[in-house]
């Protein structure tokens, strides 16, 4: 199965082309330009790098959020348009789940509690925790520990400390900015490229849940969007 995936939840974002779970091409976006300026050109570049025509793609995958309202709208609309034009299924995936999966794959552990943080502006972060487990060669299982939330990082960390352990690993585009907030014994890693994990998660969900039509895509805002704000 050829999967074309897109992440526009961060300023840079990423795009990838996978053949089942094998990455054929992946690229980080140009953070100096808006997603509106770059798309769908970045998808065309990934397809070219992977040596695949758009018509050959079997499944489309896109980060459904959370993230900046404008970026989410552009990413979802781009993939909806391609899905309609090609009559292909399209799956929306939480960027926080993709972040947790990517971090887990780098740990080499059988099980971990992973916290994910993304910049939500206004001094806040989008955050979620996951219990992730899986053995070598097996697909990891992600179990959410509560719903995604948005709040100042010190408030989120204080709530998380009610659990033991709070997290084994903290990952995200701003997680490394808050070393003074989190306990020193927690490993903190920066935001990874999410498009490959988005594609892998979408592939599983497409096989489990059946049809995924463009009109079924729903953004995961976590915080109510403000009209006119980025």
N, C-alpha and C. Protein backbone atom coordinates (compact mmCIF):
# COMPACT_ATOMS: atom_id res chain seq x y z
N UNK A 1 0.84 -1.19 0.00
CA UNK A 1 0.00 0.00 0.00
C UNK A 1 0.88 1.25 0.00
N UNK A 2 0.64 2.14 -0.94
CA UNK A 2 1.36 3.41 -1.00
C UNK A 2 0.56 4.47 -0.25
N UNK A 3 1.21 5.12 0.70
CA UNK A 3 0.54 6.09 1.57
C UNK A 3 1.25 7.42 1.47
N UNK A 4 0.49 8.47 1.17
CA UNK A 4 1.02 9.83 1.14
C UNK A 4 0.49 10.55 2.38
N UNK A 5 1.42 11.10 3.18
CA UNK A 5 1.01 11.70 4.45
C UNK A 5 1.52 13.12 4.58
N UNK A 6 0.79 13.91 5.38
CA UNK A 6 1.09 15.32 5.53
C UNK A 6 0.85 15.76 6.97
N UNK A 7 1.77 16.56 7.49
CA UNK A 7 1.61 17.16 8.81
C UNK A 7 1.77 18.68 8.69
N UNK A 8 0.72 19.42 9.06
CA UNK A 8 0.80 20.88 9.06
C UNK A 8 0.51 21.44 10.45
N UNK A 9 0.71 20.64 11.49
CA UNK A 9 0.39 21.08 12.84
C UNK A 9 1.46 21.99 13.43
N UNK A 10 2.66 21.96 12.89
CA UNK A 10 3.73 22.85 13.33
C UNK A 10 4.09 23.79 12.18
N UNK A 11 4.91 24.79 12.47
CA UNK A 11 5.25 25.77 11.43
C UNK A 11 5.96 25.10 10.25
N UNK A 12 6.87 24.18 10.52
CA UNK A 12 7.57 23.49 9.44
C UNK A 12 6.73 22.35 8.89
N UNK A 13 6.27 21.46 9.77
CA UNK A 13 5.52 20.30 9.31
C UNK A 13 6.40 19.34 8.53
N UNK A 14 5.78 18.37 7.88
CA UNK A 14 6.53 17.39 7.09
C UNK A 14 5.57 16.65 6.17
N UNK A 15 6.16 15.96 5.20
CA UNK A 15 5.40 15.12 4.27
C UNK A 15 6.20 13.86 4.03
N UNK A 16 5.50 12.77 3.72
CA UNK A 16 6.19 11.50 3.52
C UNK A 16 5.42 10.61 2.57
N UNK A 17 6.15 9.70 1.95
CA UNK A 17 5.58 8.65 1.11
C UNK A 17 6.06 7.32 1.65
N UNK A 18 5.13 6.45 2.01
CA UNK A 18 5.48 5.14 2.54
C UNK A 18 4.90 4.05 1.67
N UNK A 19 5.63 2.93 1.56
CA UNK A 19 5.16 1.71 0.93
C UNK A 19 4.95 0.72 2.07
N UNK A 20 3.71 0.52 2.47
CA UNK A 20 3.39 -0.13 3.75
C UNK A 20 4.09 0.65 4.86
N UNK A 21 5.01 0.02 5.59
CA UNK A 21 5.72 0.75 6.65
C UNK A 21 7.10 1.25 6.22
N UNK A 22 7.48 0.98 4.99
CA UNK A 22 8.79 1.40 4.50
C UNK A 22 8.73 2.84 3.98
N UNK A 23 9.60 3.69 4.50
CA UNK A 23 9.64 5.08 4.07
C UNK A 23 10.38 5.18 2.73
N UNK A 24 9.69 5.65 1.72
CA UNK A 24 10.32 5.85 0.42
C UNK A 24 10.83 7.27 0.26
N UNK A 25 10.18 8.22 0.90
CA UNK A 25 10.63 9.62 0.85
C UNK A 25 10.01 10.36 2.02
N UNK A 26 10.78 11.28 2.60
CA UNK A 26 10.29 12.12 3.68
C UNK A 26 11.01 13.45 3.61
N UNK A 27 10.30 14.52 3.95
CA UNK A 27 10.91 15.85 3.90
C UNK A 27 10.28 16.75 4.94
N UNK A 28 11.13 17.54 5.60
CA UNK A 28 10.64 18.59 6.49
C UNK A 28 10.22 19.79 5.66
N UNK A 29 9.21 20.51 6.13
CA UNK A 29 8.76 21.69 5.43
C UNK A 29 9.66 22.89 5.67
N UNK A 30 9.48 23.90 4.87
CA UNK A 30 10.24 25.15 4.98
C UNK A 30 9.51 26.09 5.93
N UNK A 31 10.02 26.20 7.17
CA UNK A 31 9.33 26.98 8.19
C UNK A 31 9.32 28.48 7.91
N UNK A 32 10.12 28.93 6.95
CA UNK A 32 10.15 30.36 6.63
C UNK A 32 8.98 30.77 5.74
N UNK A 33 8.22 29.81 5.23
CA UNK A 33 7.08 30.08 4.37
C UNK A 33 5.83 29.46 4.97
N UNK A 34 4.67 30.03 4.67
CA UNK A 34 3.43 29.49 5.19
C UNK A 34 3.05 28.21 4.47
N UNK A 35 2.19 27.42 5.11
CA UNK A 35 1.72 26.20 4.46
C UNK A 35 0.95 26.51 3.19
N UNK A 36 0.24 27.61 3.18
CA UNK A 36 -0.51 28.00 1.99
C UNK A 36 0.39 28.26 0.80
N UNK A 37 1.60 28.76 1.06
CA UNK A 37 2.56 29.03 -0.02
C UNK A 37 3.22 27.75 -0.51
N UNK A 38 3.34 26.76 0.37
CA UNK A 38 4.14 25.58 0.07
C UNK A 38 3.36 24.39 -0.48
N UNK A 39 2.08 24.36 -0.20
CA UNK A 39 1.28 23.21 -0.60
C UNK A 39 0.48 23.54 -1.86
N UNK A 40 0.28 22.54 -2.75
CA UNK A 40 0.68 21.14 -2.63
C UNK A 40 2.07 20.83 -3.16
N UNK A 41 2.91 21.88 -3.36
CA UNK A 41 4.24 21.66 -3.92
C UNK A 41 5.10 20.69 -3.12
N UNK A 42 5.00 20.75 -1.79
CA UNK A 42 5.81 19.85 -0.97
C UNK A 42 5.39 18.40 -1.14
N UNK A 43 4.10 18.16 -1.33
CA UNK A 43 3.65 16.80 -1.60
C UNK A 43 4.17 16.31 -2.95
N UNK A 44 4.16 17.19 -3.93
CA UNK A 44 4.67 16.82 -5.26
C UNK A 44 6.15 16.47 -5.19
N UNK A 45 6.90 17.20 -4.35
CA UNK A 45 8.34 16.91 -4.22
C UNK A 45 8.57 15.55 -3.58
N UNK A 46 7.80 15.21 -2.56
CA UNK A 46 7.95 13.90 -1.91
C UNK A 46 7.60 12.78 -2.89
N UNK A 47 6.54 12.97 -3.67
CA UNK A 47 6.19 11.96 -4.66
C UNK A 47 7.30 11.79 -5.69
N UNK A 48 7.88 12.90 -6.13
CA UNK A 48 8.98 12.84 -7.09
C UNK A 48 10.18 12.12 -6.50
N UNK A 49 10.52 12.46 -5.25
CA UNK A 49 11.66 11.81 -4.59
C UNK A 49 11.42 10.30 -4.42
N UNK A 50 10.16 9.92 -4.22
CA UNK A 50 9.83 8.51 -4.06
C UNK A 50 9.60 7.78 -5.36
N UNK A 51 9.64 8.51 -6.47
CA UNK A 51 9.46 7.88 -7.78
C UNK A 51 8.06 7.35 -8.01
N UNK A 52 7.05 8.06 -7.49
CA UNK A 52 5.67 7.59 -7.58
C UNK A 52 4.78 8.70 -8.12
N UNK A 53 3.86 8.37 -9.00
CA UNK A 53 2.88 9.32 -9.49
C UNK A 53 1.73 9.43 -8.48
N UNK A 54 1.13 10.59 -8.40
CA UNK A 54 0.04 10.79 -7.44
C UNK A 54 -1.08 9.77 -7.64
N UNK A 55 -1.37 9.43 -8.89
CA UNK A 55 -2.46 8.50 -9.18
C UNK A 55 -2.21 7.10 -8.62
N UNK A 56 -0.94 6.78 -8.30
CA UNK A 56 -0.61 5.45 -7.77
C UNK A 56 -0.81 5.35 -6.27
N UNK A 57 -1.06 6.46 -5.60
CA UNK A 57 -1.22 6.45 -4.15
C UNK A 57 -2.53 5.74 -3.78
N UNK A 58 -2.45 4.86 -2.77
CA UNK A 58 -3.61 4.10 -2.33
C UNK A 58 -4.36 4.75 -1.17
N UNK A 59 -3.63 5.45 -0.31
CA UNK A 59 -4.22 5.99 0.92
C UNK A 59 -3.59 7.34 1.23
N UNK A 60 -4.40 8.26 1.69
CA UNK A 60 -3.94 9.58 2.11
C UNK A 60 -4.07 9.69 3.62
N UNK A 61 -3.08 10.34 4.25
CA UNK A 61 -3.07 10.49 5.70
C UNK A 61 -2.70 11.93 6.03
N UNK A 62 -3.35 12.49 7.05
CA UNK A 62 -3.10 13.88 7.40
C UNK A 62 -3.23 14.05 8.91
N UNK A 63 -2.38 14.90 9.48
CA UNK A 63 -2.50 15.24 10.90
C UNK A 63 -3.77 16.05 11.11
N UNK A 64 -4.62 15.60 12.00
CA UNK A 64 -5.90 16.28 12.24
C UNK A 64 -5.81 17.31 13.34
N UNK A 65 -4.67 17.41 14.02
CA UNK A 65 -4.48 18.39 15.08
C UNK A 65 -3.90 17.74 16.31
N UNK A 66 -3.73 18.50 17.35
CA UNK A 66 -3.97 19.94 17.44
C UNK A 66 -2.86 20.74 16.77
N UNK A 67 -3.04 22.04 16.70
CA UNK A 67 -2.05 22.90 16.08
C UNK A 67 -2.68 24.23 15.73
N UNK A 68 -1.94 25.06 15.01
CA UNK A 68 -2.45 26.36 14.59
C UNK A 68 -3.65 26.17 13.67
N UNK A 69 -4.69 26.94 13.90
CA UNK A 69 -5.96 26.79 13.19
C UNK A 69 -5.77 26.88 11.68
N UNK A 70 -5.02 27.89 11.22
CA UNK A 70 -4.83 28.08 9.78
C UNK A 70 -4.09 26.90 9.16
N UNK A 71 -3.01 26.46 9.82
CA UNK A 71 -2.25 25.32 9.30
C UNK A 71 -3.09 24.07 9.19
N UNK A 72 -3.90 23.81 10.22
CA UNK A 72 -4.77 22.64 10.18
C UNK A 72 -5.75 22.71 9.02
N UNK A 73 -6.39 23.86 8.84
CA UNK A 73 -7.37 23.99 7.76
C UNK A 73 -6.73 23.73 6.40
N UNK A 74 -5.54 24.28 6.20
CA UNK A 74 -4.87 24.12 4.91
C UNK A 74 -4.50 22.66 4.68
N UNK A 75 -3.94 22.00 5.69
CA UNK A 75 -3.56 20.61 5.55
C UNK A 75 -4.74 19.70 5.29
N UNK A 76 -5.80 19.88 6.06
CA UNK A 76 -6.99 19.05 5.87
C UNK A 76 -7.64 19.29 4.51
N UNK A 77 -7.74 20.57 4.12
CA UNK A 77 -8.37 20.89 2.84
C UNK A 77 -7.56 20.34 1.67
N UNK A 78 -6.23 20.40 1.78
CA UNK A 78 -5.37 19.87 0.71
C UNK A 78 -5.60 18.39 0.51
N UNK A 79 -5.60 17.63 1.61
CA UNK A 79 -5.75 16.18 1.49
C UNK A 79 -7.19 15.80 1.14
N UNK A 80 -8.16 16.57 1.60
CA UNK A 80 -9.54 16.31 1.18
C UNK A 80 -9.69 16.49 -0.32
N UNK A 81 -9.07 17.56 -0.86
CA UNK A 81 -9.17 17.81 -2.29
C UNK A 81 -8.54 16.70 -3.11
N UNK A 82 -7.37 16.22 -2.67
CA UNK A 82 -6.71 15.13 -3.39
C UNK A 82 -7.55 13.86 -3.31
N UNK A 83 -8.10 13.59 -2.12
CA UNK A 83 -8.92 12.39 -1.94
C UNK A 83 -10.14 12.42 -2.84
N UNK A 84 -10.77 13.58 -2.97
CA UNK A 84 -11.93 13.70 -3.85
C UNK A 84 -11.54 13.51 -5.31
N UNK A 85 -10.40 14.12 -5.70
CA UNK A 85 -9.98 14.03 -7.10
C UNK A 85 -9.60 12.61 -7.49
N UNK A 86 -8.97 11.87 -6.57
CA UNK A 86 -8.49 10.52 -6.86
C UNK A 86 -9.48 9.43 -6.46
N UNK A 87 -10.52 9.82 -5.70
CA UNK A 87 -11.45 8.84 -5.11
C UNK A 87 -10.67 7.84 -4.26
N UNK A 88 -9.91 8.38 -3.31
CA UNK A 88 -9.12 7.57 -2.39
C UNK A 88 -9.56 7.82 -0.95
N UNK A 89 -9.37 6.84 -0.07
CA UNK A 89 -9.66 7.07 1.34
C UNK A 89 -8.63 8.01 1.95
N UNK A 90 -9.05 8.77 2.98
CA UNK A 90 -8.15 9.68 3.68
C UNK A 90 -8.42 9.53 5.18
N UNK A 91 -7.34 9.43 5.96
CA UNK A 91 -7.45 9.19 7.39
C UNK A 91 -6.81 10.34 8.15
N UNK A 92 -7.51 10.89 9.11
CA UNK A 92 -6.96 11.90 10.00
C UNK A 92 -6.36 11.24 11.23
N UNK A 93 -5.19 11.73 11.64
CA UNK A 93 -4.44 11.14 12.76
C UNK A 93 -4.03 12.25 13.72
N UNK A 94 -4.18 12.01 15.01
CA UNK A 94 -3.72 12.96 16.01
C UNK A 94 -2.20 13.12 15.94
N UNK A 95 -1.74 14.37 15.85
CA UNK A 95 -0.30 14.62 15.85
C UNK A 95 0.33 14.19 17.17
N UNK A 96 -0.41 14.29 18.27
CA UNK A 96 0.12 13.88 19.57
C UNK A 96 0.35 12.37 19.61
N UNK A 97 -0.55 11.60 19.02
CA UNK A 97 -0.35 10.15 18.95
C UNK A 97 0.85 9.81 18.07
N UNK A 98 0.98 10.50 16.94
CA UNK A 98 2.12 10.25 16.05
C UNK A 98 3.44 10.59 16.75
N UNK A 99 3.41 11.65 17.55
CA UNK A 99 4.59 12.05 18.30
C UNK A 99 5.00 10.97 19.30
N UNK A 100 4.00 10.43 20.01
CA UNK A 100 4.28 9.39 21.00
C UNK A 100 4.82 8.13 20.33
N UNK A 101 4.25 7.75 19.20
CA UNK A 101 4.72 6.57 18.49
C UNK A 101 6.16 6.75 18.03
N UNK A 102 6.47 7.90 17.44
CA UNK A 102 7.82 8.15 16.96
C UNK A 102 8.83 8.10 18.10
N UNK A 103 8.47 8.70 19.24
CA UNK A 103 9.37 8.68 20.39
C UNK A 103 9.58 7.26 20.90
N UNK A 104 8.52 6.47 20.95
CA UNK A 104 8.63 5.10 21.45
C UNK A 104 9.55 4.27 20.58
N UNK A 105 9.48 4.47 19.28
CA UNK A 105 10.30 3.68 18.36
C UNK A 105 11.80 3.95 18.55
N UNK A 106 12.15 5.10 19.13
CA UNK A 106 13.56 5.41 19.36
C UNK A 106 14.07 4.91 20.71
N UNK A 107 13.17 4.43 21.57
CA UNK A 107 13.57 4.07 22.93
C UNK A 107 14.21 2.69 23.04
N UNK A 108 13.72 1.76 22.22
CA UNK A 108 14.21 0.40 22.36
C UNK A 108 13.69 -0.28 23.61
N UNK A 109 12.57 0.20 24.15
CA UNK A 109 11.98 -0.37 25.36
C UNK A 109 10.72 -1.13 25.00
N UNK A 110 10.30 -2.02 25.91
CA UNK A 110 9.08 -2.78 25.67
C UNK A 110 7.84 -2.00 26.06
N UNK A 111 8.02 -1.04 26.99
CA UNK A 111 6.87 -0.28 27.46
C UNK A 111 7.35 1.05 28.00
N UNK A 112 6.57 2.11 27.79
CA UNK A 112 6.93 3.44 28.31
C UNK A 112 5.68 4.29 28.42
N UNK A 113 5.72 5.21 29.37
CA UNK A 113 4.68 6.23 29.49
C UNK A 113 5.25 7.50 28.89
N UNK A 114 4.64 7.97 27.80
CA UNK A 114 5.21 9.07 27.02
C UNK A 114 4.28 10.28 27.10
N UNK A 115 4.86 11.43 27.44
CA UNK A 115 4.14 12.69 27.42
C UNK A 115 4.48 13.47 26.17
N UNK A 116 3.48 14.12 25.58
CA UNK A 116 3.69 14.89 24.35
C UNK A 116 3.25 16.32 24.59
N UNK A 117 4.10 17.27 24.15
CA UNK A 117 3.80 18.70 24.26
C UNK A 117 3.98 19.36 22.91
N UNK A 118 3.03 20.22 22.56
CA UNK A 118 3.13 21.03 21.34
C UNK A 118 2.82 22.48 21.69
N UNK A 119 3.48 23.38 21.01
CA UNK A 119 3.26 24.80 21.24
C UNK A 119 1.82 25.18 20.90
N UNK A 120 1.11 25.76 21.87
CA UNK A 120 -0.26 26.21 21.64
C UNK A 120 -0.36 27.73 21.66
N UNK A 121 0.80 28.42 21.68
CA UNK A 121 0.86 29.88 21.78
C UNK A 121 0.25 30.33 23.11
N UNK A 122 0.25 31.63 23.36
CA UNK A 122 -0.31 32.22 24.58
C UNK A 122 0.30 31.65 25.86
N UNK A 123 1.53 31.13 25.77
CA UNK A 123 2.18 30.55 26.94
C UNK A 123 1.62 29.20 27.33
N UNK A 124 0.94 28.52 26.41
CA UNK A 124 0.33 27.23 26.71
C UNK A 124 0.87 26.14 25.79
N UNK A 125 0.60 24.90 26.19
CA UNK A 125 0.95 23.75 25.36
C UNK A 125 -0.26 22.85 25.18
N UNK A 126 -0.34 22.22 24.00
CA UNK A 126 -1.23 21.09 23.82
C UNK A 126 -0.49 19.87 24.38
N UNK A 127 -1.16 19.07 25.17
CA UNK A 127 -0.47 17.97 25.83
C UNK A 127 -1.34 16.73 25.92
N UNK A 128 -0.68 15.57 25.93
CA UNK A 128 -1.37 14.30 26.15
C UNK A 128 -0.34 13.29 26.62
N UNK A 129 -0.83 12.27 27.32
CA UNK A 129 0.04 11.19 27.77
C UNK A 129 -0.47 9.86 27.22
N UNK A 130 0.47 8.96 26.95
CA UNK A 130 0.13 7.65 26.39
C UNK A 130 0.94 6.57 27.07
N UNK A 131 0.29 5.45 27.32
CA UNK A 131 0.98 4.23 27.72
C UNK A 131 1.22 3.45 26.43
N UNK A 132 2.49 3.29 26.08
CA UNK A 132 2.85 2.66 24.80
C UNK A 132 3.62 1.38 25.09
N UNK A 133 3.22 0.29 24.44
CA UNK A 133 3.94 -0.96 24.66
C UNK A 133 3.93 -1.79 23.39
N UNK A 134 4.98 -2.56 23.23
CA UNK A 134 5.12 -3.42 22.06
C UNK A 134 6.48 -4.09 22.07
N UNK A 135 6.56 -5.27 21.51
CA UNK A 135 7.81 -6.01 21.44
C UNK A 135 8.45 -5.80 20.08
N UNK A 136 9.73 -6.16 19.99
CA UNK A 136 10.48 -5.99 18.75
C UNK A 136 9.75 -6.66 17.59
N UNK A 137 9.57 -5.93 16.51
CA UNK A 137 8.91 -6.46 15.34
C UNK A 137 7.40 -6.41 15.38
N UNK A 138 6.85 -5.97 16.53
CA UNK A 138 5.39 -5.90 16.66
C UNK A 138 4.94 -4.45 16.62
N UNK A 139 3.69 -4.24 16.19
CA UNK A 139 3.14 -2.90 16.13
C UNK A 139 2.82 -2.42 17.54
N UNK A 140 3.35 -1.28 17.97
CA UNK A 140 3.08 -0.80 19.34
C UNK A 140 1.61 -0.46 19.56
N UNK A 141 1.16 -0.66 20.78
CA UNK A 141 -0.19 -0.27 21.17
C UNK A 141 -0.11 1.01 21.97
N UNK A 142 -0.95 2.01 21.59
CA UNK A 142 -1.00 3.29 22.29
C UNK A 142 -2.32 3.39 23.05
N UNK A 143 -2.23 3.57 24.35
CA UNK A 143 -3.42 3.75 25.17
C UNK A 143 -3.40 5.15 25.77
N UNK A 144 -4.35 6.03 25.41
CA UNK A 144 -4.35 7.38 25.98
C UNK A 144 -4.58 7.34 27.49
N UNK A 145 -3.86 8.22 28.19
CA UNK A 145 -4.08 8.42 29.61
C UNK A 145 -4.82 9.75 29.75
N UNK A 146 -6.12 9.71 29.60
CA UNK A 146 -6.90 10.93 29.59
C UNK A 146 -6.92 11.59 28.23
N UNK A 147 -7.80 12.58 28.03
CA UNK A 147 -7.91 13.28 26.74
C UNK A 147 -6.81 14.32 26.57
N UNK A 148 -6.56 14.77 25.34
CA UNK A 148 -5.63 15.89 25.14
C UNK A 148 -6.12 17.13 25.87
N UNK A 149 -5.19 17.98 26.30
CA UNK A 149 -5.55 19.19 27.04
C UNK A 149 -4.67 20.34 26.59
N UNK A 150 -5.06 21.55 26.96
CA UNK A 150 -4.27 22.73 26.67
C UNK A 150 -4.25 23.60 27.92
N UNK A 151 -3.03 24.01 28.32
CA UNK A 151 -2.84 24.80 29.54
C UNK A 151 -1.38 25.21 29.62
N UNK A 152 -1.03 26.12 30.54
CA UNK A 152 0.39 26.43 30.75
C UNK A 152 1.15 25.17 31.16
N UNK A 153 2.41 25.04 30.73
CA UNK A 153 3.14 23.80 30.98
C UNK A 153 3.32 23.48 32.46
N UNK A 154 3.48 24.50 33.32
CA UNK A 154 3.66 24.19 34.74
C UNK A 154 2.38 23.60 35.34
N UNK A 155 1.20 24.04 34.86
CA UNK A 155 -0.05 23.48 35.35
C UNK A 155 -0.22 22.03 34.91
N UNK A 156 0.12 21.76 33.66
CA UNK A 156 0.01 20.39 33.16
C UNK A 156 0.96 19.47 33.91
N UNK A 157 2.21 19.92 34.09
CA UNK A 157 3.18 19.08 34.77
C UNK A 157 2.76 18.80 36.22
N UNK A 158 2.20 19.79 36.89
CA UNK A 158 1.74 19.60 38.26
C UNK A 158 0.64 18.53 38.32
N UNK A 159 -0.27 18.54 37.35
CA UNK A 159 -1.32 17.53 37.32
C UNK A 159 -0.75 16.15 37.03
N UNK A 160 0.20 16.11 36.11
CA UNK A 160 0.80 14.83 35.75
C UNK A 160 1.55 14.20 36.92
N UNK A 161 2.10 15.02 37.80
CA UNK A 161 2.87 14.49 38.93
C UNK A 161 2.00 13.73 39.92
N UNK A 162 0.68 13.85 39.80
CA UNK A 162 -0.21 13.07 40.65
C UNK A 162 -0.11 11.58 40.32
N UNK A 163 0.42 11.26 39.12
CA UNK A 163 0.62 9.87 38.72
C UNK A 163 2.09 9.50 38.89
N UNK A 164 2.35 8.24 39.19
CA UNK A 164 3.73 7.77 39.34
C UNK A 164 3.92 6.57 38.43
N UNK A 165 4.83 6.67 37.41
CA UNK A 165 5.56 7.89 37.08
C UNK A 165 4.70 8.85 36.28
N UNK A 166 5.03 10.14 36.32
CA UNK A 166 4.31 11.12 35.50
C UNK A 166 4.49 10.74 34.02
N UNK A 167 5.72 10.67 33.57
CA UNK A 167 6.07 10.15 32.25
C UNK A 167 7.50 9.64 32.31
N UNK A 168 7.83 8.72 31.42
CA UNK A 168 9.22 8.26 31.28
C UNK A 168 9.97 9.12 30.28
N UNK A 169 9.23 9.74 29.37
CA UNK A 169 9.83 10.52 28.29
C UNK A 169 8.87 11.65 27.93
N UNK A 170 9.41 12.83 27.71
CA UNK A 170 8.61 13.97 27.26
C UNK A 170 9.12 14.39 25.89
N UNK A 171 8.21 14.50 24.91
CA UNK A 171 8.61 14.80 23.54
C UNK A 171 7.74 15.90 22.98
N UNK A 172 8.33 16.77 22.15
CA UNK A 172 7.54 17.81 21.51
C UNK A 172 8.38 18.94 20.99
N UNK A 173 7.73 19.85 20.23
CA UNK A 173 8.46 20.93 19.61
C UNK A 173 8.92 21.98 20.60
N UNK A 174 8.35 21.99 21.81
CA UNK A 174 8.81 22.94 22.83
C UNK A 174 9.15 22.23 24.14
N UNK A 175 9.15 20.90 24.14
CA UNK A 175 9.44 20.18 25.38
C UNK A 175 10.82 20.53 25.93
N UNK A 176 11.79 20.78 25.02
CA UNK A 176 13.14 21.07 25.50
C UNK A 176 13.28 22.48 26.04
N UNK A 177 12.25 23.34 25.91
CA UNK A 177 12.32 24.69 26.47
C UNK A 177 11.98 24.73 27.96
N UNK A 178 11.40 23.66 28.46
CA UNK A 178 10.86 23.70 29.81
C UNK A 178 11.57 22.74 30.75
N UNK A 179 12.88 22.69 30.65
CA UNK A 179 13.66 21.84 31.53
C UNK A 179 13.50 22.21 33.00
N UNK A 180 13.24 23.49 33.27
CA UNK A 180 13.07 23.92 34.66
C UNK A 180 11.70 23.52 35.21
N UNK A 181 10.76 23.18 34.32
CA UNK A 181 9.42 22.83 34.77
C UNK A 181 9.34 21.36 35.14
N UNK A 182 9.97 20.52 34.34
CA UNK A 182 9.84 19.07 34.53
C UNK A 182 10.96 18.54 35.41
N UNK A 183 10.72 17.36 35.96
CA UNK A 183 11.73 16.73 36.82
C UNK A 183 12.97 16.38 36.00
N UNK A 184 14.13 16.52 36.60
CA UNK A 184 15.37 16.31 35.87
C UNK A 184 15.54 14.88 35.38
N UNK A 185 14.95 13.94 36.11
CA UNK A 185 15.14 12.54 35.72
C UNK A 185 14.35 12.15 34.49
N UNK A 186 13.47 13.02 34.00
CA UNK A 186 12.69 12.72 32.81
C UNK A 186 13.47 13.11 31.57
N UNK A 187 13.59 12.20 30.65
CA UNK A 187 14.28 12.48 29.40
C UNK A 187 13.38 13.35 28.53
N UNK A 188 13.96 14.40 27.94
CA UNK A 188 13.22 15.33 27.09
C UNK A 188 13.84 15.33 25.70
N UNK A 189 13.01 15.13 24.68
CA UNK A 189 13.51 15.09 23.31
C UNK A 189 12.70 16.05 22.45
N UNK A 190 13.31 16.61 21.40
CA UNK A 190 12.61 17.60 20.57
C UNK A 190 11.59 16.96 19.64
N UNK A 191 10.81 17.82 19.03
CA UNK A 191 9.74 17.42 18.10
C UNK A 191 10.31 16.66 16.91
N UNK A 192 9.86 15.44 16.65
CA UNK A 192 10.34 14.69 15.48
C UNK A 192 9.52 15.01 14.24
N UNK A 193 9.99 14.57 13.08
CA UNK A 193 9.17 14.63 11.86
C UNK A 193 8.04 13.61 12.01
N UNK A 194 6.82 14.06 11.86
CA UNK A 194 5.67 13.22 12.18
C UNK A 194 5.05 12.50 10.99
N UNK A 195 5.34 12.94 9.77
CA UNK A 195 4.63 12.38 8.62
C UNK A 195 4.76 10.86 8.49
N UNK A 196 5.95 10.25 8.72
CA UNK A 196 6.00 8.78 8.63
C UNK A 196 5.10 8.08 9.64
N UNK A 197 5.08 8.54 10.91
CA UNK A 197 4.23 7.91 11.91
C UNK A 197 2.76 8.13 11.60
N UNK A 198 2.41 9.29 11.06
CA UNK A 198 1.03 9.55 10.65
C UNK A 198 0.60 8.54 9.59
N UNK A 199 1.48 8.25 8.64
CA UNK A 199 1.16 7.27 7.60
C UNK A 199 0.97 5.88 8.19
N UNK A 200 1.83 5.49 9.13
CA UNK A 200 1.73 4.15 9.72
C UNK A 200 0.44 4.00 10.53
N UNK A 201 0.11 5.02 11.30
CA UNK A 201 -1.13 4.97 12.07
C UNK A 201 -2.34 4.94 11.15
N UNK A 202 -2.31 5.72 10.08
CA UNK A 202 -3.42 5.76 9.14
C UNK A 202 -3.62 4.40 8.45
N UNK A 203 -2.54 3.75 8.12
CA UNK A 203 -2.64 2.44 7.46
C UNK A 203 -3.37 1.45 8.36
N UNK A 204 -3.05 1.42 9.65
CA UNK A 204 -3.73 0.50 10.56
C UNK A 204 -5.20 0.86 10.69
N UNK A 205 -5.50 2.12 10.79
CA UNK A 205 -6.88 2.53 11.00
C UNK A 205 -7.74 2.30 9.76
N UNK A 206 -7.12 2.45 8.59
CA UNK A 206 -7.86 2.20 7.36
C UNK A 206 -8.24 0.74 7.25
N UNK A 207 -7.36 -0.15 7.69
CA UNK A 207 -7.66 -1.59 7.61
C UNK A 207 -8.64 -2.02 8.70
N UNK A 208 -8.65 -1.31 9.83
CA UNK A 208 -9.52 -1.68 10.95
C UNK A 208 -10.92 -1.10 10.83
N UNK A 209 -11.01 0.13 10.34
CA UNK A 209 -12.27 0.87 10.40
C UNK A 209 -13.02 0.93 9.09
N UNK A 210 -12.44 0.45 8.00
CA UNK A 210 -13.14 0.49 6.73
C UNK A 210 -12.98 1.81 6.01
N UNK A 211 -14.05 2.28 5.39
CA UNK A 211 -13.99 3.46 4.52
C UNK A 211 -13.74 4.74 5.31
N UNK A 212 -12.88 5.58 4.75
CA UNK A 212 -12.60 6.90 5.32
C UNK A 212 -12.76 7.91 4.18
N UNK A 213 -13.89 8.58 4.14
CA UNK A 213 -14.20 9.50 3.07
C UNK A 213 -13.78 10.92 3.45
N UNK A 214 -13.54 11.77 2.45
CA UNK A 214 -13.07 13.13 2.74
C UNK A 214 -13.96 13.92 3.68
N UNK A 215 -15.29 13.77 3.55
CA UNK A 215 -16.19 14.55 4.40
C UNK A 215 -16.16 14.09 5.85
N UNK A 216 -15.55 12.93 6.12
CA UNK A 216 -15.48 12.42 7.49
C UNK A 216 -14.31 12.99 8.28
N UNK A 217 -13.41 13.70 7.63
CA UNK A 217 -12.27 14.29 8.34
C UNK A 217 -12.75 15.35 9.32
N UNK A 218 -12.29 15.26 10.55
CA UNK A 218 -12.65 16.24 11.56
C UNK A 218 -11.38 16.75 12.25
N UNK A 219 -11.22 18.07 12.36
CA UNK A 219 -10.04 18.62 13.03
C UNK A 219 -10.09 18.38 14.54
N UNK A 220 -8.93 18.15 15.12
CA UNK A 220 -8.78 18.02 16.56
C UNK A 220 -8.18 19.32 17.07
N UNK A 221 -9.04 20.26 17.48
CA UNK A 221 -8.56 21.57 17.89
C UNK A 221 -8.07 21.58 19.35
N UNK A 222 -8.70 20.84 20.23
CA UNK A 222 -8.46 20.83 21.68
C UNK A 222 -8.90 22.16 22.30
N UNK A 223 -8.42 23.27 21.72
CA UNK A 223 -8.89 24.58 22.16
C UNK A 223 -9.77 25.17 21.07
N UNK A 224 -10.85 25.81 21.47
CA UNK A 224 -11.77 26.42 20.50
C UNK A 224 -11.02 27.45 19.66
N UNK A 225 -11.08 27.35 18.32
CA UNK A 225 -10.36 28.29 17.47
C UNK A 225 -10.93 29.71 17.56
N UNK A 226 -10.05 30.70 17.47
CA UNK A 226 -10.47 32.10 17.41
C UNK A 226 -10.46 32.53 15.95
N UNK A 227 -11.56 33.04 15.47
CA UNK A 227 -11.63 33.48 14.07
C UNK A 227 -10.61 34.59 13.84
N UNK A 228 -9.81 34.40 12.77
CA UNK A 228 -8.84 35.43 12.41
C UNK A 228 -7.49 35.29 13.06
N UNK A 229 -7.35 34.32 14.03
CA UNK A 229 -6.05 34.14 14.67
C UNK A 229 -5.35 32.97 14.01
N UNK A 230 -4.01 33.00 14.00
CA UNK A 230 -3.20 31.90 13.48
C UNK A 230 -2.80 31.02 14.64
